[in-house]
Amino acid sequence: LATSAGGGGGAYKMRPARSTLGPMPPIVEDKSLMFPWFWKYQERVKWCYKHTYTEITVAMVIGGNFLTNIVESTIDPQKDKYEDVFGVFELFFNIVFTIELTVNFYAHWFAPFWKSGWNVFDFLVVTIGLLTTFKVPLPGPFTLLRMMRAFRVFRLFKRVPSLKKIMDSLAKAIPGVVNAFIIQILVMCIYSILAVEFWHDLGQDGYFINENNVTVELQTSRGQDYGHEYFGNFPKAMYTMFQVLTGDSWSEAVARFALHGNQVHISIGAAFFYVTFVILNAVVLINVVVAVLLEKMVDNGEEDEAGPTSSMASLPPPPLAPMPPTLPLPPSTP
């Protein structure tokens, strides 16, 4: 609302909504292009495609498709009770997504479309949806591509700026995160090798001598020896250490037997072993990964706030123009 210029009575009139895209571009027919009558609407279609209302509408359709998949997986997991009903929903969403992809392809023809990773992802998801709609037989493991329908919700990240910012931050943080994960995996491998050496034969023959020198039966719920099942070789020990890292009942299922043996130095060593592993991996290195992610998100936020002027400010100042030569003064007359 805005107050009219001459009215003392405070009359109001409607002011058109602001748009970051500017006014709708005119229809221009470029004669230098092949089929100019076809391409003259490209700029106007691009304007409509990037409009806020279009973004909201497509985001709502993507969200509706995701909710439909949730409902289908809840009330009809076998896909045999309401196959016709959900088939109609699937057809509707495939048609809408195909139209949206076609409009996007026309508006950003040709190279600009394929330069965007989000557009490539959209193309793959929509193509797999069309293959499902037309029931195209796929050979062997390619039938698993039909499960790509569940990943349609990722297309929402392109529409919501805050979600897209998070995904961009994750992508930029991949090198630092990979380095942190490499360190963490190396530490886990070292501890797994030590665990195989220490406890691969613990509970051998199904028996264990506790701290009171009493022989008790020790077998897992699967009827195997404790040491063989948890630390029998490197892969088993690696998975056991991953269980310790997740905190999934590891103390009772994994560590207690080693802590209550009949040799005090081994019990103390086992306690030191597991405590240091949890501190290094679950506390220190995991927080390193989180710190790397937060650093990239903060850097992205600062770049967005600074805008394009920040890159200009870092440029060196242009060189000064050379001064013109000074001319000699004329001789003074007496």
Protein backbone atom coordinates (compact mmCIF):
# COMPACT_ATOMS: atom_id res chain seq x y z
CA LEU A 1 0.00 0.00 0.00
CA ALA A 2 1.17 3.55 -0.74
CA THR A 3 -0.29 6.98 0.13
CA SER A 4 -1.41 9.07 -2.84
CA ALA A 5 0.68 12.20 -3.51
CA GLY A 6 -1.87 14.97 -3.08
CA GLY A 7 -4.39 13.56 -0.68
CA GLY A 8 -4.49 14.97 2.81
CA GLY A 9 -7.13 12.41 3.76
CA GLY A 10 -4.66 9.54 3.53
CA ALA A 11 -6.08 7.80 0.46
CA TYR A 12 -4.40 4.52 -0.40
CA LYS A 13 -3.80 2.69 -3.63
CA MET A 14 -2.38 -0.73 -4.41
CA ARG A 15 1.26 -0.96 -5.42
CA PRO A 16 2.29 -3.92 -7.62
CA ALA A 17 4.35 -6.63 -5.92
CA ARG A 18 8.08 -6.43 -6.36
CA SER A 19 9.81 -9.14 -8.34
CA THR A 20 13.50 -9.90 -8.36
CA LEU A 21 13.18 -11.12 -11.94
CA GLY A 22 12.04 -7.76 -13.28
CA PRO A 23 9.21 -7.31 -15.77
CA MET A 24 8.27 -10.04 -18.19
CA PRO A 25 10.58 -9.83 -21.22
CA PRO A 26 9.07 -9.06 -24.62
CA ILE A 27 8.73 -11.60 -27.38
CA VAL A 28 11.70 -11.15 -29.72
CA GLU A 29 12.10 -13.17 -32.89
CA ASP A 30 15.79 -13.61 -33.73
CA LYS A 31 16.10 -14.22 -37.46
CA SER A 32 19.66 -15.50 -37.07
CA LEU A 33 18.45 -18.67 -35.33
CA MET A 34 17.03 -21.76 -36.95
CA PHE A 35 13.25 -21.84 -36.49
CA PRO A 36 13.05 -18.31 -35.00
CA TRP A 37 9.29 -18.67 -34.53
CA PHE A 38 10.00 -21.48 -32.02
CA TRP A 39 12.71 -19.74 -29.98
CA LYS A 40 11.06 -16.32 -29.69
CA TYR A 41 9.23 -17.40 -26.53
CA GLN A 42 12.35 -18.73 -24.76
CA GLU A 43 13.07 -15.68 -22.59
CA ARG A 44 9.45 -15.37 -21.54
CA VAL A 45 9.25 -19.08 -20.68
CA LYS A 46 12.47 -18.77 -18.65
CA TRP A 47 10.98 -15.82 -16.77
CA CYS A 48 7.83 -17.78 -15.96
CA TYR A 49 9.84 -20.87 -14.98
CA LYS A 50 11.93 -18.90 -12.47
CA HIS A 51 8.97 -17.04 -11.03
CA THR A 52 8.29 -17.48 -7.33
CA TYR A 53 4.80 -18.88 -7.90
CA THR A 54 6.21 -21.54 -10.23
CA GLU A 55 8.87 -22.47 -7.70
CA ILE A 56 6.26 -22.85 -4.95
CA THR A 57 3.92 -24.88 -7.16
CA VAL A 58 6.61 -27.33 -8.25
CA ALA A 59 7.85 -27.65 -4.66
CA MET A 60 4.32 -28.49 -3.50
CA VAL A 61 3.99 -31.14 -6.22
CA ILE A 62 7.30 -32.71 -5.19
CA GLY A 63 6.20 -32.71 -1.55
CA GLY A 64 2.85 -34.25 -2.51
CA ASN A 65 4.61 -37.00 -4.43
CA PHE A 66 6.82 -37.73 -1.42
CA LEU A 67 3.80 -37.94 0.91
CA THR A 68 2.06 -40.25 -1.56
CA ASN A 69 5.05 -42.59 -1.51
CA ILE A 70 4.96 -42.59 2.30
CA VAL A 71 1.25 -43.43 2.37
CA GLU A 72 1.70 -46.16 -0.23
CA SER A 73 4.56 -47.74 1.72
CA THR A 74 2.43 -47.60 4.89
CA ILE A 75 -0.94 -49.00 3.81
CA ASP A 76 0.08 -51.05 0.78
CA PRO A 77 3.70 -52.22 1.11
CA GLN A 78 3.06 -55.22 -1.16
CA LYS A 79 1.49 -52.94 -3.82
CA ASP A 80 -1.44 -55.27 -4.44
CA LYS A 81 -4.39 -53.68 -2.57
CA TYR A 82 -4.59 -50.17 -3.98
CA GLU A 83 -2.49 -50.58 -7.09
CA ASP A 84 -4.97 -48.74 -9.32
CA VAL A 85 -5.33 -45.76 -6.96
CA PHE A 86 -1.63 -45.20 -6.52
CA GLY A 87 -1.10 -45.91 -10.21
CA VAL A 88 -3.23 -42.84 -11.00
CA PHE A 89 -1.15 -40.73 -8.61
CA GLU A 90 2.04 -42.05 -10.17
CA LEU A 91 0.81 -41.20 -13.66
CA PHE A 92 -0.20 -37.69 -12.58
CA PHE A 93 3.17 -36.94 -10.99
CA ASN A 94 5.09 -38.35 -13.95
CA ILE A 95 3.13 -36.14 -16.35
CA VAL A 96 3.68 -33.03 -14.22
CA PHE A 97 7.41 -33.72 -13.79
CA THR A 98 7.80 -34.41 -17.52
CA ILE A 99 6.15 -31.10 -18.41
CA GLU A 100 8.31 -29.28 -15.86
CA LEU A 101 11.48 -30.88 -17.25
CA THR A 102 10.46 -30.04 -20.84
CA VAL A 103 9.86 -26.39 -19.93
CA ASN A 104 13.20 -26.25 -18.13
CA PHE A 105 14.95 -27.83 -21.11
CA TYR A 106 13.39 -25.32 -23.51
CA ALA A 107 14.13 -22.32 -21.28
CA HIS A 108 17.81 -23.26 -20.79
CA TRP A 109 18.64 -24.80 -24.14
CA PHE A 110 21.17 -26.44 -24.57
CA ALA A 111 24.50 -26.24 -22.78
CA PRO A 112 23.19 -24.20 -19.80
CA PHE A 113 20.80 -27.04 -19.00
CA TRP A 114 23.46 -29.75 -18.85
CA LYS A 115 25.92 -27.61 -16.93
CA SER A 116 23.69 -27.82 -13.87
CA GLY A 117 24.05 -31.00 -11.84
CA TRP A 118 20.52 -30.55 -10.50
CA ASN A 119 19.15 -30.59 -14.05
CA VAL A 120 21.03 -33.81 -14.82
CA PHE A 121 19.58 -35.36 -11.67
CA ASP A 122 16.08 -34.23 -12.68
CA PHE A 123 16.55 -35.73 -16.12
CA LEU A 124 17.58 -39.12 -14.69
CA VAL A 125 14.73 -39.24 -12.17
CA VAL A 126 12.07 -38.22 -14.69
CA THR A 127 13.40 -40.67 -17.29
CA ILE A 128 13.26 -43.55 -14.81
CA GLY A 129 9.73 -42.50 -13.87
CA LEU A 130 8.69 -42.63 -17.52
CA LEU A 131 10.24 -46.08 -17.90
CA THR A 132 8.16 -47.20 -14.93
CA THR A 133 4.99 -45.64 -16.34
CA PHE A 134 5.37 -47.32 -19.73
CA LYS A 135 6.47 -50.58 -18.03
CA VAL A 136 9.65 -50.87 -20.07
CA PRO A 137 11.39 -54.17 -19.21
CA LEU A 138 14.85 -53.59 -17.76
CA PRO A 139 17.54 -56.28 -17.75
CA GLY A 140 19.03 -57.71 -14.57
CA PRO A 141 20.17 -55.23 -11.94
CA PHE A 142 18.77 -52.27 -13.92
CA THR A 143 15.39 -53.10 -12.41
CA LEU A 144 16.69 -51.53 -9.19
CA LEU A 145 16.56 -48.16 -10.98
CA ARG A 146 12.82 -48.14 -10.36
CA MET A 147 13.58 -47.38 -6.72
CA MET A 148 14.87 -43.98 -7.86
CA ARG A 149 11.28 -42.77 -7.47
CA ALA A 150 11.97 -42.42 -3.75
CA PHE A 151 14.73 -39.90 -4.54
CA ARG A 152 12.38 -37.45 -6.25
CA VAL A 153 12.17 -35.49 -3.02
CA PHE A 154 15.80 -34.44 -3.56
CA ARG A 155 14.56 -32.27 -6.41
CA LEU A 156 13.09 -30.11 -3.67
CA PHE A 157 16.60 -28.98 -2.72
CA LYS A 158 16.89 -27.07 -5.97
CA ARG A 159 13.69 -25.18 -5.23
CA VAL A 160 14.32 -24.19 -1.60
CA PRO A 161 17.34 -21.86 -1.26
CA SER A 162 18.08 -22.84 2.35
CA LEU A 163 18.16 -26.55 1.47
CA LYS A 164 20.23 -25.86 -1.63
CA LYS A 165 22.71 -23.93 0.52
CA ILE A 166 23.15 -26.94 2.79
CA MET A 167 23.74 -29.27 -0.15
CA ASP A 168 26.25 -26.85 -1.68
CA SER A 169 28.06 -26.65 1.66
CA LEU A 170 28.19 -30.44 1.88
CA ALA A 171 29.60 -30.65 -1.63
CA LYS A 172 32.31 -28.09 -0.87
CA ALA A 173 33.15 -29.83 2.42
CA ILE A 174 33.74 -33.22 0.78
CA PRO A 175 37.58 -32.89 0.52
CA GLY A 176 37.99 -31.93 4.17
CA VAL A 177 35.46 -34.49 5.36
CA VAL A 178 37.14 -37.24 3.33
CA ASN A 179 40.48 -36.45 5.00
CA ALA A 180 38.88 -36.64 8.44
CA PHE A 181 37.18 -39.93 7.56
CA ILE A 182 40.47 -41.37 6.30
CA ILE A 183 42.09 -40.60 9.66
CA GLN A 184 39.14 -42.13 11.48
CA ILE A 185 39.20 -45.29 9.37
CA LEU A 186 42.94 -45.68 9.93
CA VAL A 187 42.45 -45.42 13.69
CA MET A 188 39.64 -47.98 13.52
CA CYS A 189 41.86 -50.33 11.50
CA ILE A 190 44.64 -50.09 14.08
CA TYR A 191 42.28 -50.87 16.92
CA SER A 192 40.70 -53.73 14.93
CA ILE A 193 44.10 -55.36 14.35
CA LEU A 194 44.89 -55.07 18.06
CA ALA A 195 41.48 -56.49 19.00
CA VAL A 196 42.09 -59.58 16.83
CA GLU A 197 45.42 -60.11 18.55
CA PHE A 198 43.95 -59.70 22.04
CA TRP A 199 40.59 -61.48 21.95
CA HIS A 200 40.26 -63.75 18.91
CA ASP A 201 40.38 -66.82 21.19
CA LEU A 202 38.39 -65.41 24.14
CA GLY A 203 35.72 -67.89 25.20
CA GLN A 204 37.26 -70.66 23.13
CA ASP A 205 35.36 -73.96 23.34
CA GLY A 206 32.42 -72.07 24.84
CA TYR A 207 33.92 -71.41 28.28
CA PHE A 208 35.38 -68.41 30.09
CA ILE A 209 37.24 -68.03 33.43
CA ASN A 210 35.98 -64.96 35.25
CA GLU A 211 37.71 -62.81 37.88
CA ASN A 212 36.70 -65.26 40.64
CA ASN A 213 38.46 -68.11 38.80
CA VAL A 214 35.10 -69.72 38.07
CA THR A 215 34.62 -71.36 34.70
CA VAL A 216 31.37 -70.15 33.16
CA GLU A 217 29.74 -70.84 29.84
CA LEU A 218 30.29 -68.11 27.25
CA GLN A 219 28.61 -68.29 23.88
CA THR A 220 26.76 -65.78 21.78
CA SER A 221 23.06 -66.03 21.03
CA ARG A 222 24.00 -67.55 17.67
CA GLY A 223 25.80 -70.48 19.33
CA GLN A 224 29.33 -69.33 18.48
CA ASP A 225 32.37 -68.64 20.63
CA TYR A 226 32.57 -65.05 21.78
CA GLY A 227 36.05 -64.32 20.43
CA HIS A 228 35.38 -66.04 17.11
CA GLU A 229 32.17 -64.12 16.43
CA TYR A 230 33.32 -60.64 17.46
CA PHE A 231 37.06 -60.71 16.80
CA GLY A 232 37.70 -63.83 14.74
CA ASN A 233 39.30 -61.90 11.86
CA PHE A 234 39.85 -58.34 10.71
CA PRO A 235 36.41 -57.76 9.05
CA LYS A 236 34.60 -59.08 12.13
CA ALA A 237 36.72 -56.93 14.45
CA MET A 238 36.22 -53.89 12.20
CA TYR A 239 32.46 -54.26 12.37
CA THR A 240 32.63 -54.79 16.15
CA MET A 241 34.61 -51.57 16.55
CA PHE A 242 32.05 -49.79 14.39
CA GLN A 243 29.37 -51.09 16.77
CA VAL A 244 31.37 -49.63 19.65
CA LEU A 245 31.55 -46.32 17.77
CA THR A 246 27.77 -46.19 17.33
CA GLY A 247 27.15 -46.97 21.00
CA ASP A 248 24.82 -49.86 20.17
CA SER A 249 24.89 -51.92 23.41
CA TRP A 250 28.62 -52.40 22.94
CA SER A 251 29.54 -52.27 26.62
CA GLU A 252 27.42 -55.27 27.61
CA ALA A 253 27.76 -57.27 24.40
CA VAL A 254 31.41 -56.60 23.56
CA ALA A 255 33.52 -55.19 26.39
CA ARG A 256 32.27 -56.68 29.67
CA PHE A 257 33.70 -60.16 29.09
CA ALA A 258 37.18 -58.77 28.51
CA LEU A 259 36.95 -56.61 31.63
CA HIS A 260 36.04 -59.46 33.98
CA GLY A 261 38.78 -61.98 33.18
CA ASN A 262 40.99 -63.66 35.73
CA GLN A 263 44.06 -61.59 34.77
CA VAL A 264 44.08 -58.07 36.19
CA HIS A 265 46.51 -56.54 33.71
CA ILE A 266 44.39 -57.76 30.78
CA SER A 267 41.24 -56.31 32.35
CA ILE A 268 42.93 -52.94 32.89
CA GLY A 269 44.30 -53.01 29.35
CA ALA A 270 40.84 -53.76 27.95
CA ALA A 271 39.34 -50.81 29.81
CA PHE A 272 42.09 -48.52 28.51
CA PHE A 273 41.61 -49.95 25.00
CA TYR A 274 37.89 -49.21 24.77
CA VAL A 275 38.01 -45.86 26.57
CA THR A 276 40.73 -44.47 24.30
CA PHE A 277 38.94 -45.78 21.22
CA VAL A 278 35.69 -44.03 22.15
CA ILE A 279 37.48 -40.79 23.03
CA LEU A 280 39.47 -40.69 19.79
CA ASN A 281 36.72 -41.75 17.38
CA ALA A 282 33.38 -40.92 18.94
CA VAL A 283 34.47 -37.63 20.54
CA VAL A 284 37.49 -36.11 18.79
CA LEU A 285 37.34 -37.23 15.15
CA ILE A 286 33.56 -37.02 14.80
CA ASN A 287 33.71 -33.44 16.05
CA VAL A 288 36.44 -32.74 13.51
CA VAL A 289 34.03 -33.79 10.76
CA VAL A 290 31.31 -31.55 12.20
CA ALA A 291 33.77 -28.65 12.45
CA VAL A 292 34.71 -29.01 8.78
CA LEU A 293 31.06 -28.98 7.75
CA LEU A 294 30.29 -25.93 9.88
CA GLU A 295 33.31 -24.10 8.49
CA LYS A 296 32.12 -24.57 4.92
CA MET A 297 28.59 -23.48 5.81
CA VAL A 298 29.91 -20.33 7.48
CA ASP A 299 32.14 -19.59 4.48
CA ASN A 300 29.14 -19.94 2.14
CA GLY A 301 27.12 -17.59 4.33
CA GLU A 302 29.83 -14.95 4.29
CA GLU A 303 30.14 -15.22 0.51
CA ASP A 304 26.39 -14.79 0.09
CA GLU A 305 26.32 -11.73 2.36
CA ALA A 306 29.35 -10.13 0.75
CA GLY A 307 28.04 -10.64 -2.76
CA PRO A 308 30.04 -9.99 -5.89
CA THR A 309 31.70 -6.91 -4.43
CA SER A 310 33.89 -9.03 -2.14
CA SER A 311 35.81 -10.44 -5.09
CA MET A 312 36.27 -6.95 -6.53
CA ALA A 313 37.58 -5.67 -3.21
CA SER A 314 40.35 -8.25 -3.20
CA LEU A 315 41.68 -7.10 -6.56
CA PRO A 316 44.74 -4.83 -6.55
CA PRO A 317 44.09 -1.17 -7.38
CA PRO A 318 44.63 -0.18 -11.01
CA PRO A 319 47.97 1.45 -11.80
CA LEU A 320 48.07 5.19 -11.82
CA ALA A 321 48.35 6.93 -15.16
CA PRO A 322 51.78 8.47 -15.83
CA MET A 323 52.07 12.16 -15.14
CA PRO A 324 52.46 14.34 -18.22
CA PRO A 325 55.92 15.85 -18.68
CA THR A 326 56.35 19.32 -17.25
CA LEU A 327 56.95 22.03 -19.81
CA PRO A 328 59.72 24.61 -19.23
CA LEU A 329 58.50 28.04 -18.16
CA PRO A 330 58.87 30.84 -20.69
CA PRO A 331 61.68 33.33 -19.95
CA SER A 332 60.53 36.36 -18.03
CA THR A 333 60.62 39.66 -19.93
CA PRO A 334 62.38 42.63 -18.27
